[in-house]
ModelCIF file with pLDDT and N, C-alpha, C, O atoms, coordinates in Angstrom:
data_MODEL
#
_entry.id   MODEL 
#
_entity.id                         1 
_entity.type                       polymer 
_entity.pdbx_number_of_molecules   1 
#
_entity_poly.entity_id                      1 
_entity_poly.type                           'polypeptide(L)' 
_entity_poly.nstd_linkage                   no 
_entity_poly.nstd_monomer                   no 
_entity_poly.pdbx_seq_one_letter_code       DPMIDTCNGFYCEKFTPNKPYKPKMFTELWTGWFTEFGGPIPTRP 
_entity_poly.pdbx_seq_one_letter_code_can   DPMIDTCNGFYCEKFTPNKPYKPKMFTELWTGWFTEFGGPIPTRP 
_entity_poly.pdbx_strand_id                 A 
#
loop_
_entity_poly_seq.entity_id 
_entity_poly_seq.num 
_entity_poly_seq.mon_id 
_entity_poly_seq.hetero 
1 1  ASP n 
1 2  PRO n 
1 3  MET n 
1 4  ILE n 
1 5  ASP n 
1 6  THR n 
1 7  CYS n 
1 8  ASN n 
1 9  GLY n 
1 10 PHE n 
1 11 TYR n 
1 12 CYS n 
1 13 GLU n 
1 14 LYS n 
1 15 PHE n 
1 16 THR n 
1 17 PRO n 
1 18 ASN n 
1 19 LYS n 
1 20 PRO n 
1 21 TYR n 
1 22 LYS n 
1 23 PRO n 
1 24 LYS n 
1 25 MET n 
1 26 PHE n 
1 27 THR n 
1 28 GLU n 
1 29 LEU n 
1 30 TRP n 
1 31 THR n 
1 32 GLY n 
1 33 TRP n 
1 34 PHE n 
1 35 THR n 
1 36 GLU n 
1 37 PHE n 
1 38 GLY n 
1 39 GLY n 
1 40 PRO n 
1 41 ILE n 
1 42 PRO n 
1 43 THR n 
1 44 ARG n 
1 45 PRO n 
#
_struct_asym.id          A 
_struct_asym.entity_id   1 
#
loop_
_ma_qa_metric.id 
_ma_qa_metric.mode 
_ma_qa_metric.name 
_ma_qa_metric.software_group_id 
_ma_qa_metric.type 
1 global pLDDT . pLDDT 
2 local  pLDDT . pLDDT 
#
_ma_qa_metric_global.metric_id      1 
_ma_qa_metric_global.metric_value   97.53 
_ma_qa_metric_global.model_id       1 
_ma_qa_metric_global.ordinal_id     1 
#
loop_
_ma_qa_metric_local.label_asym_id 
_ma_qa_metric_local.label_comp_id 
_ma_qa_metric_local.label_seq_id 
_ma_qa_metric_local.metric_id 
_ma_qa_metric_local.metric_value 
_ma_qa_metric_local.model_id 
_ma_qa_metric_local.ordinal_id 
A ASP 1  2 95.00 1 1  
A PRO 2  2 96.00 1 2  
A MET 3  2 98.00 1 3  
A ILE 4  2 98.00 1 4  
A ASP 5  2 98.00 1 5  
A THR 6  2 98.00 1 6  
A CYS 7  2 98.00 1 7  
A ASN 8  2 98.00 1 8  
A GLY 9  2 98.00 1 9  
A PHE 10 2 98.00 1 10 
A TYR 11 2 98.00 1 11 
A CYS 12 2 98.00 1 12 
A GLU 13 2 97.00 1 13 
A LYS 14 2 96.00 1 14 
A PHE 15 2 98.00 1 15 
A THR 16 2 97.00 1 16 
A PRO 17 2 97.00 1 17 
A ASN 18 2 97.00 1 18 
A LYS 19 2 97.00 1 19 
A PRO 20 2 96.00 1 20 
A TYR 21 2 97.00 1 21 
A LYS 22 2 98.00 1 22 
A PRO 23 2 98.00 1 23 
A LYS 24 2 98.00 1 24 
A MET 25 2 98.00 1 25 
A PHE 26 2 98.00 1 26 
A THR 27 2 98.00 1 27 
A GLU 28 2 98.00 1 28 
A LEU 29 2 98.00 1 29 
A TRP 30 2 98.00 1 30 
A THR 31 2 98.00 1 31 
A GLY 32 2 98.00 1 32 
A TRP 33 2 98.00 1 33 
A PHE 34 2 98.00 1 34 
A THR 35 2 98.00 1 35 
A GLU 36 2 98.00 1 36 
A PHE 37 2 98.00 1 37 
A GLY 38 2 97.00 1 38 
A GLY 39 2 97.00 1 39 
A PRO 40 2 97.00 1 40 
A ILE 41 2 97.00 1 41 
A PRO 42 2 97.00 1 42 
A THR 43 2 97.00 1 43 
A ARG 44 2 98.00 1 44 
A PRO 45 2 98.00 1 45 
#
loop_
_atom_site.group_PDB 
_atom_site.id 
_atom_site.type_symbol 
_atom_site.label_atom_id 
_atom_site.label_alt_id 
_atom_site.label_comp_id 
_atom_site.label_asym_id 
_atom_site.label_entity_id 
_atom_site.label_seq_id 
_atom_site.pdbx_PDB_ins_code 
_atom_site.Cartn_x 
_atom_site.Cartn_y 
_atom_site.Cartn_z 
_atom_site.occupancy 
_atom_site.B_iso_or_equiv 
_atom_site.pdbx_formal_charge 
_atom_site.auth_seq_id 
_atom_site.auth_comp_id 
_atom_site.auth_asym_id 
_atom_site.auth_atom_id 
_atom_site.pdbx_PDB_model_num 
ATOM 1   N N  . ASP A 1 1  ? -20.392 -8.544  -21.481 1.00 95.00 ? 1  ASP A N  1 
ATOM 2   C CA . ASP A 1 1  ? -20.994 -10.095 -21.468 1.00 95.00 ? 1  ASP A CA 1 
ATOM 3   C C  . ASP A 1 1  ? -20.128 -10.893 -22.305 1.00 95.00 ? 1  ASP A C  1 
ATOM 4   O O  . ASP A 1 1  ? -19.600 -10.494 -23.343 1.00 95.00 ? 1  ASP A O  1 
ATOM 5   N N  . PRO A 1 2  ? -19.995 -12.218 -21.717 1.00 96.00 ? 2  PRO A N  1 
ATOM 6   C CA . PRO A 1 2  ? -20.784 -12.747 -20.547 1.00 96.00 ? 2  PRO A CA 1 
ATOM 7   C C  . PRO A 1 2  ? -19.892 -12.516 -19.224 1.00 96.00 ? 2  PRO A C  1 
ATOM 8   O O  . PRO A 1 2  ? -20.228 -13.101 -18.194 1.00 96.00 ? 2  PRO A O  1 
ATOM 9   N N  . MET A 1 3  ? -18.879 -11.761 -19.231 1.00 98.00 ? 3  MET A N  1 
ATOM 10  C CA . MET A 1 3  ? -18.032 -11.535 -17.985 1.00 98.00 ? 3  MET A CA 1 
ATOM 11  C C  . MET A 1 3  ? -18.999 -10.949 -16.925 1.00 98.00 ? 3  MET A C  1 
ATOM 12  O O  . MET A 1 3  ? -19.888 -10.150 -17.220 1.00 98.00 ? 3  MET A O  1 
ATOM 13  N N  . ILE A 1 4  ? -18.750 -11.429 -15.597 1.00 98.00 ? 4  ILE A N  1 
ATOM 14  C CA . ILE A 1 4  ? -19.362 -10.933 -14.351 1.00 98.00 ? 4  ILE A CA 1 
ATOM 15  C C  . ILE A 1 4  ? -18.419 -9.906  -13.794 1.00 98.00 ? 4  ILE A C  1 
ATOM 16  O O  . ILE A 1 4  ? -17.260 -10.173 -13.477 1.00 98.00 ? 4  ILE A O  1 
ATOM 17  N N  . ASP A 1 5  ? -18.951 -8.756  -13.694 1.00 98.00 ? 5  ASP A N  1 
ATOM 18  C CA . ASP A 1 5  ? -18.005 -7.728  -12.881 1.00 98.00 ? 5  ASP A CA 1 
ATOM 19  C C  . ASP A 1 5  ? -18.233 -7.979  -11.407 1.00 98.00 ? 5  ASP A C  1 
ATOM 20  O O  . ASP A 1 5  ? -19.327 -8.429  -11.066 1.00 98.00 ? 5  ASP A O  1 
ATOM 21  N N  . THR A 1 6  ? -17.345 -7.741  -10.544 1.00 98.00 ? 6  THR A N  1 
ATOM 22  C CA . THR A 1 6  ? -17.452 -8.136  -9.136  1.00 98.00 ? 6  THR A CA 1 
ATOM 23  C C  . THR A 1 6  ? -16.650 -7.128  -8.270  1.00 98.00 ? 6  THR A C  1 
ATOM 24  O O  . THR A 1 6  ? -15.905 -6.309  -8.808  1.00 98.00 ? 6  THR A O  1 
ATOM 25  N N  . CYS A 1 7  ? -16.791 -7.185  -7.079  1.00 98.00 ? 7  CYS A N  1 
ATOM 26  C CA . CYS A 1 7  ? -16.291 -5.902  -6.223  1.00 98.00 ? 7  CYS A CA 1 
ATOM 27  C C  . CYS A 1 7  ? -15.298 -6.607  -5.227  1.00 98.00 ? 7  CYS A C  1 
ATOM 28  O O  . CYS A 1 7  ? -15.415 -7.750  -4.786  1.00 98.00 ? 7  CYS A O  1 
ATOM 29  N N  . ASN A 1 8  ? -14.246 -5.656  -4.946  1.00 98.00 ? 8  ASN A N  1 
ATOM 30  C CA . ASN A 1 8  ? -13.164 -6.082  -3.942  1.00 98.00 ? 8  ASN A CA 1 
ATOM 31  C C  . ASN A 1 8  ? -13.086 -4.875  -3.030  1.00 98.00 ? 8  ASN A C  1 
ATOM 32  O O  . ASN A 1 8  ? -13.187 -3.729  -3.469  1.00 98.00 ? 8  ASN A O  1 
ATOM 33  N N  . GLY A 1 9  ? -12.910 -5.150  -1.786  1.00 98.00 ? 9  GLY A N  1 
ATOM 34  C CA . GLY A 1 9  ? -12.708 -4.080  -0.831  1.00 98.00 ? 9  GLY A CA 1 
ATOM 35  C C  . GLY A 1 9  ? -13.041 -4.623  0.642   1.00 98.00 ? 9  GLY A C  1 
ATOM 36  O O  . GLY A 1 9  ? -13.267 -5.806  0.898   1.00 98.00 ? 9  GLY A O  1 
ATOM 37  N N  . PHE A 1 10 ? -13.035 -3.557  1.580   1.00 98.00 ? 10 PHE A N  1 
ATOM 38  C CA . PHE A 1 10 ? -13.366 -3.990  2.945   1.00 98.00 ? 10 PHE A CA 1 
ATOM 39  C C  . PHE A 1 10 ? -14.899 -4.179  3.068   1.00 98.00 ? 10 PHE A C  1 
ATOM 40  O O  . PHE A 1 10 ? -15.318 -5.097  3.773   1.00 98.00 ? 10 PHE A O  1 
ATOM 41  N N  . TYR A 1 11 ? -15.741 -3.370  2.429   1.00 98.00 ? 11 TYR A N  1 
ATOM 42  C CA . TYR A 1 11 ? -17.213 -3.560  2.310   1.00 98.00 ? 11 TYR A CA 1 
ATOM 43  C C  . TYR A 1 11 ? -17.622 -3.390  0.871   1.00 98.00 ? 11 TYR A C  1 
ATOM 44  O O  . TYR A 1 11 ? -16.985 -2.669  0.103   1.00 98.00 ? 11 TYR A O  1 
ATOM 45  N N  . CYS A 1 12 ? -18.764 -4.108  0.498   1.00 98.00 ? 12 CYS A N  1 
ATOM 46  C CA . CYS A 1 12 ? -19.217 -4.066  -0.891  1.00 98.00 ? 12 CYS A CA 1 
ATOM 47  C C  . CYS A 1 12 ? -20.716 -4.286  -0.930  1.00 98.00 ? 12 CYS A C  1 
ATOM 48  O O  . CYS A 1 12 ? -21.278 -4.789  -1.903  1.00 98.00 ? 12 CYS A O  1 
ATOM 49  N N  . GLU A 1 13 ? -21.386 -3.857  0.252   1.00 97.00 ? 13 GLU A N  1 
ATOM 50  C CA . GLU A 1 13 ? -22.882 -4.011  0.303   1.00 97.00 ? 13 GLU A CA 1 
ATOM 51  C C  . GLU A 1 13 ? -23.611 -3.004  -0.738  1.00 97.00 ? 13 GLU A C  1 
ATOM 52  O O  . GLU A 1 13 ? -24.775 -3.183  -1.094  1.00 97.00 ? 13 GLU A O  1 
ATOM 53  N N  . LYS A 1 14 ? -22.808 -1.928  -1.190  1.00 96.00 ? 14 LYS A N  1 
ATOM 54  C CA . LYS A 1 14 ? -23.517 -0.846  -1.969  1.00 96.00 ? 14 LYS A CA 1 
ATOM 55  C C  . LYS A 1 14 ? -23.226 -1.338  -3.534  1.00 96.00 ? 14 LYS A C  1 
ATOM 56  O O  . LYS A 1 14 ? -23.854 -0.776  -4.432  1.00 96.00 ? 14 LYS A O  1 
ATOM 57  N N  . PHE A 1 15 ? -22.358 -2.292  -3.826  1.00 98.00 ? 15 PHE A N  1 
ATOM 58  C CA . PHE A 1 15 ? -22.086 -2.660  -5.130  1.00 98.00 ? 15 PHE A CA 1 
ATOM 59  C C  . PHE A 1 15 ? -23.165 -3.187  -5.838  1.00 98.00 ? 15 PHE A C  1 
ATOM 60  O O  . PHE A 1 15 ? -23.947 -3.932  -5.248  1.00 98.00 ? 15 PHE A O  1 
ATOM 61  N N  . THR A 1 16 ? -23.366 -2.844  -7.310  1.00 97.00 ? 16 THR A N  1 
ATOM 62  C CA . THR A 1 16 ? -24.332 -3.303  -8.068  1.00 97.00 ? 16 THR A CA 1 
ATOM 63  C C  . THR A 1 16 ? -23.711 -3.850  -9.406  1.00 97.00 ? 16 THR A C  1 
ATOM 64  O O  . THR A 1 16 ? -23.021 -3.066  -10.058 1.00 97.00 ? 16 THR A O  1 
ATOM 65  N N  . PRO A 1 17 ? -23.890 -5.065  -9.846  1.00 97.00 ? 17 PRO A N  1 
ATOM 66  C CA . PRO A 1 17 ? -23.428 -5.519  -11.130 1.00 97.00 ? 17 PRO A CA 1 
ATOM 67  C C  . PRO A 1 17 ? -23.924 -4.748  -12.228 1.00 97.00 ? 17 PRO A C  1 
ATOM 68  O O  . PRO A 1 17 ? -24.965 -4.095  -12.155 1.00 97.00 ? 17 PRO A O  1 
ATOM 69  N N  . ASN A 1 18 ? -23.144 -4.816  -13.325 1.00 97.00 ? 18 ASN A N  1 
ATOM 70  C CA . ASN A 1 18 ? -23.418 -3.844  -14.490 1.00 97.00 ? 18 ASN A CA 1 
ATOM 71  C C  . ASN A 1 18 ? -24.536 -4.168  -15.372 1.00 97.00 ? 18 ASN A C  1 
ATOM 72  O O  . ASN A 1 18 ? -24.967 -3.403  -16.234 1.00 97.00 ? 18 ASN A O  1 
ATOM 73  N N  . LYS A 1 19 ? -25.031 -5.445  -15.095 1.00 97.00 ? 19 LYS A N  1 
ATOM 74  C CA . LYS A 1 19 ? -26.251 -5.841  -15.875 1.00 97.00 ? 19 LYS A CA 1 
ATOM 75  C C  . LYS A 1 19 ? -27.282 -6.563  -14.839 1.00 97.00 ? 19 LYS A C  1 
ATOM 76  O O  . LYS A 1 19 ? -26.849 -7.365  -14.012 1.00 97.00 ? 19 LYS A O  1 
ATOM 77  N N  . PRO A 1 20 ? -28.598 -6.255  -14.918 1.00 96.00 ? 20 PRO A N  1 
ATOM 78  C CA . PRO A 1 20 ? -29.472 -6.758  -13.814 1.00 96.00 ? 20 PRO A CA 1 
ATOM 79  C C  . PRO A 1 20 ? -29.588 -8.304  -13.831 1.00 96.00 ? 20 PRO A C  1 
ATOM 80  O O  . PRO A 1 20 ? -30.140 -8.892  -12.901 1.00 96.00 ? 20 PRO A O  1 
ATOM 81  N N  . TYR A 1 21 ? -29.045 -8.979  -14.931 1.00 97.00 ? 21 TYR A N  1 
ATOM 82  C CA . TYR A 1 21 ? -29.140 -10.467 -14.719 1.00 97.00 ? 21 TYR A CA 1 
ATOM 83  C C  . TYR A 1 21 ? -27.687 -11.277 -14.287 1.00 97.00 ? 21 TYR A C  1 
ATOM 84  O O  . TYR A 1 21 ? -27.436 -12.466 -14.480 1.00 97.00 ? 21 TYR A O  1 
ATOM 85  N N  . LYS A 1 22 ? -26.917 -10.363 -13.716 1.00 98.00 ? 22 LYS A N  1 
ATOM 86  C CA . LYS A 1 22 ? -25.639 -10.951 -13.145 1.00 98.00 ? 22 LYS A CA 1 
ATOM 87  C C  . LYS A 1 22 ? -25.741 -11.043 -11.679 1.00 98.00 ? 22 LYS A C  1 
ATOM 88  O O  . LYS A 1 22 ? -26.430 -10.248 -11.041 1.00 98.00 ? 22 LYS A O  1 
ATOM 89  N N  . PRO A 1 23 ? -25.072 -11.995 -11.131 1.00 98.00 ? 23 PRO A N  1 
ATOM 90  C CA . PRO A 1 23 ? -25.061 -12.134 -9.574  1.00 98.00 ? 23 PRO A CA 1 
ATOM 91  C C  . PRO A 1 23 ? -24.241 -11.110 -8.950  1.00 98.00 ? 23 PRO A C  1 
ATOM 92  O O  . PRO A 1 23 ? -23.393 -10.502 -9.603  1.00 98.00 ? 23 PRO A O  1 
ATOM 93  N N  . LYS A 1 24 ? -24.444 -10.902 -7.777  1.00 98.00 ? 24 LYS A N  1 
ATOM 94  C CA . LYS A 1 24 ? -23.716 -9.784  -6.776  1.00 98.00 ? 24 LYS A CA 1 
ATOM 95  C C  . LYS A 1 24 ? -22.629 -10.575 -6.145  1.00 98.00 ? 24 LYS A C  1 
ATOM 96  O O  . LYS A 1 24 ? -22.848 -11.421 -5.278  1.00 98.00 ? 24 LYS A O  1 
ATOM 97  N N  . MET A 1 25 ? -21.441 -10.276 -6.605  1.00 98.00 ? 25 MET A N  1 
ATOM 98  C CA . MET A 1 25 ? -20.301 -11.135 -5.905  1.00 98.00 ? 25 MET A CA 1 
ATOM 99  C C  . MET A 1 25 ? -19.117 -10.171 -5.325  1.00 98.00 ? 25 MET A C  1 
ATOM 100 O O  . MET A 1 25 ? -18.764 -9.122  -5.864  1.00 98.00 ? 25 MET A O  1 
ATOM 101 N N  . PHE A 1 26 ? -18.603 -10.684 -4.206  1.00 98.00 ? 26 PHE A N  1 
ATOM 102 C CA . PHE A 1 26 ? -17.661 -10.125 -3.385  1.00 98.00 ? 26 PHE A CA 1 
ATOM 103 C C  . PHE A 1 26 ? -16.338 -10.949 -3.565  1.00 98.00 ? 26 PHE A C  1 
ATOM 104 O O  . PHE A 1 26 ? -16.098 -11.881 -2.798  1.00 98.00 ? 26 PHE A O  1 
ATOM 105 N N  . THR A 1 27 ? -15.506 -10.618 -4.545  1.00 98.00 ? 27 THR A N  1 
ATOM 106 C CA . THR A 1 27 ? -14.467 -11.483 -4.829  1.00 98.00 ? 27 THR A CA 1 
ATOM 107 C C  . THR A 1 27 ? -13.146 -11.350 -3.857  1.00 98.00 ? 27 THR A C  1 
ATOM 108 O O  . THR A 1 27 ? -12.312 -12.250 -3.761  1.00 98.00 ? 27 THR A O  1 
ATOM 109 N N  . GLU A 1 28 ? -13.082 -10.245 -3.233  1.00 98.00 ? 28 GLU A N  1 
ATOM 110 C CA . GLU A 1 28 ? -12.093 -9.993  -2.241  1.00 98.00 ? 28 GLU A CA 1 
ATOM 111 C C  . GLU A 1 28 ? -12.633 -9.245  -1.080  1.00 98.00 ? 28 GLU A C  1 
ATOM 112 O O  . GLU A 1 28 ? -12.783 -8.023  -1.113  1.00 98.00 ? 28 GLU A O  1 
ATOM 113 N N  . LEU A 1 29 ? -12.935 -10.008 -0.013  1.00 98.00 ? 29 LEU A N  1 
ATOM 114 C CA . LEU A 1 29 ? -13.199 -9.168  1.267   1.00 98.00 ? 29 LEU A CA 1 
ATOM 115 C C  . LEU A 1 29 ? -11.881 -9.298  2.056   1.00 98.00 ? 29 LEU A C  1 
ATOM 116 O O  . LEU A 1 29 ? -11.428 -10.386 2.409   1.00 98.00 ? 29 LEU A O  1 
ATOM 117 N N  . TRP A 1 30 ? -11.336 -8.187  2.290   1.00 98.00 ? 30 TRP A N  1 
ATOM 118 C CA . TRP A 1 30 ? -9.979  -8.018  2.901   1.00 98.00 ? 30 TRP A CA 1 
ATOM 119 C C  . TRP A 1 30 ? -10.044 -8.310  4.382   1.00 98.00 ? 30 TRP A C  1 
ATOM 120 O O  . TRP A 1 30 ? -10.548 -7.492  5.151   1.00 98.00 ? 30 TRP A O  1 
ATOM 121 N N  . THR A 1 31 ? -9.549  -9.453  4.795   1.00 98.00 ? 31 THR A N  1 
ATOM 122 C CA . THR A 1 31 ? -9.631  -9.781  6.166   1.00 98.00 ? 31 THR A CA 1 
ATOM 123 C C  . THR A 1 31 ? -8.532  -9.145  6.952   1.00 98.00 ? 31 THR A C  1 
ATOM 124 O O  . THR A 1 31 ? -8.486  -9.397  8.156   1.00 98.00 ? 31 THR A O  1 
ATOM 125 N N  . GLY A 1 32 ? -7.773  -8.467  6.500   1.00 98.00 ? 32 GLY A N  1 
ATOM 126 C CA . GLY A 1 32 ? -6.647  -7.580  7.215   1.00 98.00 ? 32 GLY A CA 1 
ATOM 127 C C  . GLY A 1 32 ? -6.128  -6.846  6.212   1.00 98.00 ? 32 GLY A C  1 
ATOM 128 O O  . GLY A 1 32 ? -6.865  -6.328  5.373   1.00 98.00 ? 32 GLY A O  1 
ATOM 129 N N  . TRP A 1 33 ? -4.644  -6.705  6.183   1.00 98.00 ? 33 TRP A N  1 
ATOM 130 C CA . TRP A 1 33 ? -4.016  -5.979  5.120   1.00 98.00 ? 33 TRP A CA 1 
ATOM 131 C C  . TRP A 1 33 ? -2.389  -6.507  5.267   1.00 98.00 ? 33 TRP A C  1 
ATOM 132 O O  . TRP A 1 33 ? -1.879  -7.069  6.236   1.00 98.00 ? 33 TRP A O  1 
ATOM 133 N N  . PHE A 1 34 ? -1.831  -6.171  4.116   1.00 98.00 ? 34 PHE A N  1 
ATOM 134 C CA . PHE A 1 34 ? -0.276  -6.522  4.129   1.00 98.00 ? 34 PHE A CA 1 
ATOM 135 C C  . PHE A 1 34 ? 0.551   -5.815  4.938   1.00 98.00 ? 34 PHE A C  1 
ATOM 136 O O  . PHE A 1 34 ? 0.346   -4.610  5.077   1.00 98.00 ? 34 PHE A O  1 
ATOM 137 N N  . THR A 1 35 ? 1.585   -6.430  5.582   1.00 98.00 ? 35 THR A N  1 
ATOM 138 C CA . THR A 1 35 ? 2.640   -5.703  6.299   1.00 98.00 ? 35 THR A CA 1 
ATOM 139 C C  . THR A 1 35 ? 3.737   -5.048  5.477   1.00 98.00 ? 35 THR A C  1 
ATOM 140 O O  . THR A 1 35 ? 4.218   -5.748  4.586   1.00 98.00 ? 35 THR A O  1 
ATOM 141 N N  . GLU A 1 36 ? 4.214   -3.806  5.634   1.00 98.00 ? 36 GLU A N  1 
ATOM 142 C CA . GLU A 1 36 ? 5.355   -3.316  5.039   1.00 98.00 ? 36 GLU A CA 1 
ATOM 143 C C  . GLU A 1 36 ? 6.582   -3.195  6.014   1.00 98.00 ? 36 GLU A C  1 
ATOM 144 O O  . GLU A 1 36 ? 6.401   -2.836  7.178   1.00 98.00 ? 36 GLU A O  1 
ATOM 145 N N  . PHE A 1 37 ? 7.808   -3.490  5.538   1.00 98.00 ? 37 PHE A N  1 
ATOM 146 C CA . PHE A 1 37 ? 8.893   -3.128  6.320   1.00 98.00 ? 37 PHE A CA 1 
ATOM 147 C C  . PHE A 1 37 ? 8.995   -1.730  6.560   1.00 98.00 ? 37 PHE A C  1 
ATOM 148 O O  . PHE A 1 37 ? 9.080   -0.947  5.615   1.00 98.00 ? 37 PHE A O  1 
ATOM 149 N N  . GLY A 1 38 ? 8.993   -1.279  7.965   1.00 97.00 ? 38 GLY A N  1 
ATOM 150 C CA . GLY A 1 38 ? 8.688   -0.080  8.331   1.00 97.00 ? 38 GLY A CA 1 
ATOM 151 C C  . GLY A 1 38 ? 7.388   0.484   8.972   1.00 97.00 ? 38 GLY A C  1 
ATOM 152 O O  . GLY A 1 38 ? 7.234   1.554   9.562   1.00 97.00 ? 38 GLY A O  1 
ATOM 153 N N  . GLY A 1 39 ? 6.517   -0.474  8.718   1.00 97.00 ? 39 GLY A N  1 
ATOM 154 C CA . GLY A 1 39 ? 5.172   -0.241  9.190   1.00 97.00 ? 39 GLY A CA 1 
ATOM 155 C C  . GLY A 1 39 ? 4.663   -1.287  10.233  1.00 97.00 ? 39 GLY A C  1 
ATOM 156 O O  . GLY A 1 39 ? 5.247   -2.347  10.460  1.00 97.00 ? 39 GLY A O  1 
ATOM 157 N N  . PRO A 1 40 ? 3.573   -0.899  10.811  1.00 97.00 ? 40 PRO A N  1 
ATOM 158 C CA . PRO A 1 40 ? 2.994   -1.787  11.926  1.00 97.00 ? 40 PRO A CA 1 
ATOM 159 C C  . PRO A 1 40 ? 2.409   -2.880  11.238  1.00 97.00 ? 40 PRO A C  1 
ATOM 160 O O  . PRO A 1 40 ? 2.423   -2.978  10.011  1.00 97.00 ? 40 PRO A O  1 
ATOM 161 N N  . ILE A 1 41 ? 1.785   -3.878  12.172  1.00 97.00 ? 41 ILE A N  1 
ATOM 162 C CA . ILE A 1 41 ? 1.109   -5.023  11.607  1.00 97.00 ? 41 ILE A CA 1 
ATOM 163 C C  . ILE A 1 41 ? -0.365  -4.641  11.823  1.00 97.00 ? 41 ILE A C  1 
ATOM 164 O O  . ILE A 1 41 ? -0.836  -4.311  12.912  1.00 97.00 ? 41 ILE A O  1 
ATOM 165 N N  . PRO A 1 42 ? -1.176  -4.741  10.430  1.00 97.00 ? 42 PRO A N  1 
ATOM 166 C CA . PRO A 1 42 ? -2.500  -4.622  10.533  1.00 97.00 ? 42 PRO A CA 1 
ATOM 167 C C  . PRO A 1 42 ? -3.380  -5.709  11.009  1.00 97.00 ? 42 PRO A C  1 
ATOM 168 O O  . PRO A 1 42 ? -3.096  -6.866  10.699  1.00 97.00 ? 42 PRO A O  1 
ATOM 169 N N  . THR A 1 43 ? -4.419  -5.455  11.731  1.00 97.00 ? 43 THR A N  1 
ATOM 170 C CA . THR A 1 43 ? -5.430  -6.379  11.850  1.00 97.00 ? 43 THR A CA 1 
ATOM 171 C C  . THR A 1 43 ? -6.641  -5.915  11.861  1.00 97.00 ? 43 THR A C  1 
ATOM 172 O O  . THR A 1 43 ? -6.905  -4.741  12.121  1.00 97.00 ? 43 THR A O  1 
ATOM 173 N N  . ARG A 1 44 ? -7.550  -6.865  11.559  1.00 98.00 ? 44 ARG A N  1 
ATOM 174 C CA . ARG A 1 44 ? -9.185  -6.399  11.380  1.00 98.00 ? 44 ARG A CA 1 
ATOM 175 C C  . ARG A 1 44 ? -9.905  -7.340  12.506  1.00 98.00 ? 44 ARG A C  1 
ATOM 176 O O  . ARG A 1 44 ? -9.606  -8.503  12.775  1.00 98.00 ? 44 ARG A O  1 
ATOM 177 N N  . PRO A 1 45 ? -10.804 -6.635  13.021  1.00 98.00 ? 45 PRO A N  1 
ATOM 178 C CA . PRO A 1 45 ? -11.530 -7.344  14.213  1.00 98.00 ? 45 PRO A CA 1 
ATOM 179 C C  . PRO A 1 45 ? -12.579 -8.367  13.304  1.00 98.00 ? 45 PRO A C  1 
ATOM 180 O O  . PRO A 1 45 ? -13.356 -9.125  13.883  1.00 98.00 ? 45 PRO A O  1 
#
């Protein structure tokens, strides 16, 4: 406290903050993924 712990990922619906008086926040919903040299181009519907 008073930091708010938050979730990053493709999905975060099961995430629960570490204290009951903190809001449920999704700070990184990944809209795709980065591309690497030698790799294909990721997309997300």
